[in-house]
């Protein structure tokens, strides 16, 4: 599995966790981390070129 695929999987997991109504977690922080991981995965080819 490539690094880009791993980042996409991490992004999806973080965004799903942010959407769950779990008390005691900070959903906005998880959502921001998920968005950052998705942007990093999307631009991975440009960054590593």
C-alpha atoms as a PDB file:
ATOM      1  CA  UNK A   1       0.000   0.000   0.000  1.00  0.00           C
ATOM      2  CA  UNK A   2       1.407   3.358  -1.008  1.00  0.00           C
ATOM      3  CA  UNK A   3       1.903   6.269   1.323  1.00  0.00           C
ATOM      4  CA  UNK A   4      -0.848   8.155  -0.501  1.00  0.00           C
ATOM      5  CA  UNK A   5      -3.329   5.343   0.124  1.00  0.00           C
ATOM      6  CA  UNK A   6      -2.396   5.201   3.804  1.00  0.00           C
ATOM      7  CA  UNK A   7      -3.005   8.937   4.133  1.00  0.00           C
ATOM      8  CA  UNK A   8      -6.414   8.587   2.481  1.00  0.00           C
ATOM      9  CA  UNK A   9      -7.356   5.780   4.872  1.00  0.00           C
ATOM     10  CA  UNK A  10      -6.260   7.858   7.856  1.00  0.00           C
ATOM     11  CA  UNK A  11      -8.272  10.816   6.543  1.00  0.00           C
ATOM     12  CA  UNK A  12     -11.420   8.729   6.168  1.00  0.00           C
ATOM     13  CA  UNK A  13     -11.067   7.235   9.648  1.00  0.00           C
ATOM     14  CA  UNK A  14     -10.552  10.654  11.239  1.00  0.00           C
ATOM     15  CA  UNK A  15     -13.505  12.178   9.396  1.00  0.00           C
ATOM     16  CA  UNK A  16     -15.787   9.303  10.384  1.00  0.00           C
ATOM     17  CA  UNK A  17     -14.691   9.579  14.015  1.00  0.00           C
ATOM     18  CA  UNK A  18     -15.309  13.330  13.917  1.00  0.00           C
ATOM     19  CA  UNK A  19     -18.855  12.754  12.674  1.00  0.00           C
ATOM     20  CA  UNK A  20     -19.750  10.358  15.499  1.00  0.00           C
ATOM     21  CA  UNK A  21     -21.432  11.900  18.532  1.00  0.00           C
ATOM     22  CA  UNK A  22     -18.921  10.572  21.055  1.00  0.00           C
ATOM     23  CA  UNK A  23     -18.899  12.601  24.271  1.00  0.00           C
ATOM     24  CA  UNK A  24     -15.520  13.751  25.448  1.00  0.00           C
ATOM     25  CA  UNK A  25     -13.919  13.904  22.005  1.00  0.00           C
ATOM     26  CA  UNK A  26     -13.222  17.040  20.121  1.00  0.00           C
ATOM     27  CA  UNK A  27     -14.904  16.480  16.781  1.00  0.00           C
ATOM     28  CA  UNK A  28     -13.675  19.707  15.221  1.00  0.00           C
ATOM     29  CA  UNK A  29     -10.053  18.780  15.915  1.00  0.00           C
ATOM     30  CA  UNK A  30     -10.533  15.317  14.399  1.00  0.00           C
ATOM     31  CA  UNK A  31     -12.238  16.862  11.389  1.00  0.00           C
ATOM     32  CA  UNK A  32      -9.375  19.300  10.880  1.00  0.00           C
ATOM     33  CA  UNK A  33      -6.820  16.496  11.154  1.00  0.00           C
ATOM     34  CA  UNK A  34      -8.828  14.437   8.670  1.00  0.00           C
ATOM     35  CA  UNK A  35      -9.006  17.335   6.243  1.00  0.00           C
ATOM     36  CA  UNK A  36      -5.270  17.928   6.589  1.00  0.00           C
ATOM     37  CA  UNK A  37      -4.530  14.260   5.909  1.00  0.00           C
ATOM     38  CA  UNK A  38      -6.817  14.318   2.860  1.00  0.00           C
ATOM     39  CA  UNK A  39      -5.080  17.409   1.485  1.00  0.00           C
ATOM     40  CA  UNK A  40      -1.689  15.840   2.094  1.00  0.00           C
ATOM     41  CA  UNK A  41      -2.735  12.642   0.330  1.00  0.00           C
ATOM     42  CA  UNK A  42      -4.208  14.609  -2.575  1.00  0.00           C
ATOM     43  CA  UNK A  43      -1.010  16.593  -3.080  1.00  0.00           C
ATOM     44  CA  UNK A  44       1.378  13.726  -2.322  1.00  0.00           C
ATOM     45  CA  UNK A  45       2.561  13.370  -5.937  1.00  0.00           C
ATOM     46  CA  UNK A  46       3.355  17.082  -6.161  1.00  0.00           C
ATOM     47  CA  UNK A  47       5.143  17.139  -2.816  1.00  0.00           C
ATOM     48  CA  UNK A  48       7.324  14.126  -3.548  1.00  0.00           C
ATOM     49  CA  UNK A  49       8.116  15.036  -7.179  1.00  0.00           C
END
